[in-house]
Amino acid sequence: MPFLRQDYPQVVAPWACPNSGFNLRMEALLVILCKVMTVSRGAQLPSVSDGRVWRTLDHYVDQAHAQEDFSTVTSGGLDETRLTARTQ
């Protein structure tokens, strides 16, 4: 018997990625997997599409960027030691 998602109401949790289809533990597992391997390989282990994993990662990266504070940065630097054929 196939599982019909519309038969079960879902509660929106404020800490979860909206419409990801994953619970918080699964999202945490995916983030950890993607820290140590490629996204495509991390998506293969739980048998999900890499697009779903990328959407979950984008959600958490966007949250992290929103919390960044560079107001005390007074200077920056660039390292130009790596040149490619296009820039030469």
Foldseek 3Di string as FASTA:
>chain_A
DDDDPVVDDDDDDPVADPPLPDDPVVLVQLVVLVVPDPLCVSCPVVVHHSVSSVSSVVVVVVVVVVPDDPPPDDDDDDDPPDDDPVVD
